[in-house]
């Protein structure tokens, strides 16, 4: 396991945290590229900061249970940061990604692990920016934005095969 890593080379400031033993986790450059792909569509957010933490199923399950009332591990959790009034911080929040769930989904959906990770990072970052998919219209809008961002990154439509 490794400690936090962050840089702003690609525009976004990504704090990469690894709390899982896995060989196929996205590296710092991939995370910055994917997050920057999202932030490029949001004026003034290019230098925003967020944390991406890769975790085991137990941590994902505990967070999902405690914050969402769902007692199971999940692919990505988004925790937006709300700065106190009058304190200007360009901190988006935290993404918590469960490697085992993402790897299992990628396999089941016949996608490369890297492409599925890109989708989870894009999806989670959009949540940090306030997007949601509570109703059908929001879901359609968010999925279309994900498709466009991922296409700009050279990644196929994640929903084409029912993913």
Protein backbone atom coordinates (compact mmCIF):
# COMPACT_ATOMS: atom_id res chain seq x y z
CA UNK A 1 0.00 0.00 0.00
CA UNK A 2 1.16 3.50 -0.64
CA UNK A 3 0.49 6.89 0.84
CA UNK A 4 -1.10 9.92 -0.75
CA UNK A 5 0.24 11.30 -4.01
CA UNK A 6 -0.90 14.55 -5.54
CA UNK A 7 0.11 16.85 -8.34
CA UNK A 8 -1.46 19.51 -10.52
CA UNK A 9 0.42 18.72 -13.76
CA UNK A 10 -2.75 17.92 -15.69
CA UNK A 11 -4.80 20.79 -14.30
CA UNK A 12 -6.68 18.88 -11.63
CA UNK A 13 -5.10 18.27 -8.25
CA UNK A 14 -5.65 14.62 -7.40
CA UNK A 15 -4.71 13.13 -4.06
CA UNK A 16 -4.34 9.39 -4.82
CA UNK A 17 -4.70 7.14 -1.78
CA UNK A 18 -4.27 3.37 -1.87
CA UNK A 19 -5.73 1.27 0.95
CA UNK A 20 -6.01 -2.00 -0.98
CA UNK A 21 -3.54 -4.56 -2.27
CA UNK A 22 -4.09 -4.69 -6.02
CA UNK A 23 -1.80 -4.63 -9.03
CA UNK A 24 -4.11 -2.99 -11.57
CA UNK A 25 -5.01 0.33 -9.94
CA UNK A 26 -4.98 3.48 -12.07
CA UNK A 27 -1.81 5.52 -11.69
CA UNK A 28 -1.57 9.22 -10.90
CA UNK A 29 -1.41 10.27 -14.57
CA UNK A 30 -4.54 8.32 -15.49
CA UNK A 31 -6.50 9.82 -12.61
CA UNK A 32 -5.41 13.35 -13.52
CA UNK A 33 -6.31 12.79 -17.16
CA UNK A 34 -9.79 11.46 -16.35
CA UNK A 35 -10.59 14.14 -13.76
CA UNK A 36 -9.26 16.88 -16.05
CA UNK A 37 -11.55 15.53 -18.80
CA UNK A 38 -14.50 16.25 -16.53
CA UNK A 39 -13.26 19.58 -15.22
CA UNK A 40 -12.51 20.87 -18.74
CA UNK A 41 -16.29 21.09 -19.23
CA UNK A 42 -16.75 23.22 -16.11
CA UNK A 43 -15.42 26.76 -16.39
CA UNK A 44 -13.12 27.79 -13.59
CA UNK A 45 -12.79 24.29 -12.12
CA UNK A 46 -9.61 23.11 -13.91
CA UNK A 47 -7.46 23.46 -10.79
CA UNK A 48 -9.96 21.85 -8.44
CA UNK A 49 -8.73 19.31 -5.93
CA UNK A 50 -10.17 15.95 -4.98
CA UNK A 51 -9.11 12.75 -3.31
CA UNK A 52 -9.44 9.35 -4.97
CA UNK A 53 -9.10 6.54 -2.44
CA UNK A 54 -8.92 2.88 -3.50
CA UNK A 55 -10.28 0.56 -0.81
CA UNK A 56 -11.09 -3.01 0.17
CA UNK A 57 -14.69 -4.24 0.25
CA UNK A 58 -14.98 -3.89 4.03
CA UNK A 59 -14.24 -0.14 3.94
CA UNK A 60 -16.59 0.39 0.99
CA UNK A 61 -19.34 -1.55 2.73
CA UNK A 62 -18.95 0.37 6.00
CA UNK A 63 -19.03 3.75 4.26
CA UNK A 64 -21.97 2.76 2.05
CA UNK A 65 -23.86 1.50 5.12
CA UNK A 66 -23.05 4.50 7.31
CA UNK A 67 -23.64 7.24 4.73
CA UNK A 68 -26.17 5.74 2.32
CA UNK A 69 -27.97 3.13 4.42
CA UNK A 70 -26.96 0.32 2.05
CA UNK A 71 -25.15 -2.57 3.73
CA UNK A 72 -23.01 -3.72 0.81
CA UNK A 73 -19.83 -2.67 -0.92
CA UNK A 74 -20.23 -0.56 -4.05
CA UNK A 75 -18.11 0.61 -6.97
CA UNK A 76 -17.73 4.32 -6.19
CA UNK A 77 -18.89 6.61 -3.42
CA UNK A 78 -18.77 10.39 -3.77
CA UNK A 79 -18.44 12.72 -0.81
CA UNK A 80 -18.76 16.35 -1.97
CA UNK A 81 -17.04 19.04 0.07
CA UNK A 82 -18.98 22.14 1.03
CA UNK A 83 -16.71 24.96 2.13
CA UNK A 84 -17.93 27.05 5.05
CA UNK A 85 -19.40 30.40 3.97
CA UNK A 86 -16.74 32.97 3.19
CA UNK A 87 -13.89 30.45 2.88
CA UNK A 88 -12.87 30.04 -0.77
CA UNK A 89 -11.56 26.50 -1.24
CA UNK A 90 -11.62 24.76 -4.61
CA UNK A 91 -11.91 21.34 -3.03
CA UNK A 92 -14.46 19.09 -4.74
CA UNK A 93 -14.44 16.27 -2.20
CA UNK A 94 -13.56 12.59 -2.06
CA UNK A 95 -14.14 9.55 -4.24
CA UNK A 96 -13.88 6.14 -2.61
CA UNK A 97 -13.52 3.32 -5.12
CA UNK A 98 -13.72 -0.37 -4.25
CA UNK A 99 -11.27 -2.28 -6.41
CA UNK A 100 -12.97 -5.68 -6.00
CA UNK A 101 -16.35 -4.34 -7.12
CA UNK A 102 -14.92 -2.41 -10.07
CA UNK A 103 -12.87 -5.42 -11.20
CA UNK A 104 -15.88 -7.73 -10.91
CA UNK A 105 -18.11 -5.32 -12.85
CA UNK A 106 -15.50 -4.86 -15.59
CA UNK A 107 -15.28 -8.62 -16.00
CA UNK A 108 -19.06 -9.11 -16.00
CA UNK A 109 -19.56 -6.27 -18.50
CA UNK A 110 -16.65 -7.44 -20.68
CA UNK A 111 -14.84 -4.10 -20.39
CA UNK A 112 -11.22 -3.43 -19.75
CA UNK A 113 -10.48 -2.66 -16.13
CA UNK A 114 -8.84 0.64 -17.11
CA UNK A 115 -11.90 1.76 -19.09
CA UNK A 116 -14.26 0.85 -16.24
CA UNK A 117 -12.05 2.71 -13.77
CA UNK A 118 -12.15 5.75 -16.07
CA UNK A 119 -15.94 5.55 -16.09
CA UNK A 120 -16.11 5.30 -12.29
CA UNK A 121 -13.79 8.31 -11.85
CA UNK A 122 -15.74 10.38 -14.39
CA UNK A 123 -19.07 9.33 -12.84
CA UNK A 124 -17.91 10.07 -9.31
CA UNK A 125 -16.37 13.42 -10.26
CA UNK A 126 -19.65 14.47 -11.88
CA UNK A 127 -21.39 13.65 -8.59
CA UNK A 128 -18.89 15.87 -6.78
CA UNK A 129 -19.86 18.66 -9.18
CA UNK A 130 -23.54 18.24 -8.29
CA UNK A 131 -24.81 15.90 -10.99
CA UNK A 132 -27.15 13.12 -9.98
CA UNK A 133 -29.33 10.38 -11.43
CA UNK A 134 -32.27 10.29 -9.04
CA UNK A 135 -34.88 10.54 -11.80
CA UNK A 136 -34.89 9.35 -15.41
CA UNK A 137 -34.17 12.80 -16.92
CA UNK A 138 -31.20 13.39 -14.61
CA UNK A 139 -29.91 9.89 -15.37
CA UNK A 140 -30.17 10.44 -19.13
CA UNK A 141 -28.40 13.81 -18.90
CA UNK A 142 -25.62 12.47 -16.67
CA UNK A 143 -25.09 9.35 -18.80
CA UNK A 144 -24.86 11.47 -21.97
CA UNK A 145 -22.29 13.74 -20.36
CA UNK A 146 -20.31 10.67 -19.24
CA UNK A 147 -20.39 9.30 -22.81
CA UNK A 148 -19.11 12.61 -24.22
CA UNK A 149 -16.32 12.98 -21.65
CA UNK A 150 -15.21 9.37 -22.05
CA UNK A 151 -15.30 9.64 -25.86
CA UNK A 152 -13.02 12.66 -25.54
CA UNK A 153 -10.65 10.43 -23.58
CA UNK A 154 -10.77 7.72 -26.26
CA UNK A 155 -13.01 5.40 -24.22
CA UNK A 156 -16.04 3.63 -25.66
CA UNK A 157 -19.63 4.26 -24.50
CA UNK A 158 -19.86 2.54 -21.11
CA UNK A 159 -23.61 2.05 -21.53
CA UNK A 160 -23.49 0.47 -25.00
CA UNK A 161 -23.41 -3.05 -23.62
CA UNK A 162 -25.84 -2.38 -20.81
CA UNK A 163 -23.09 -1.30 -18.35
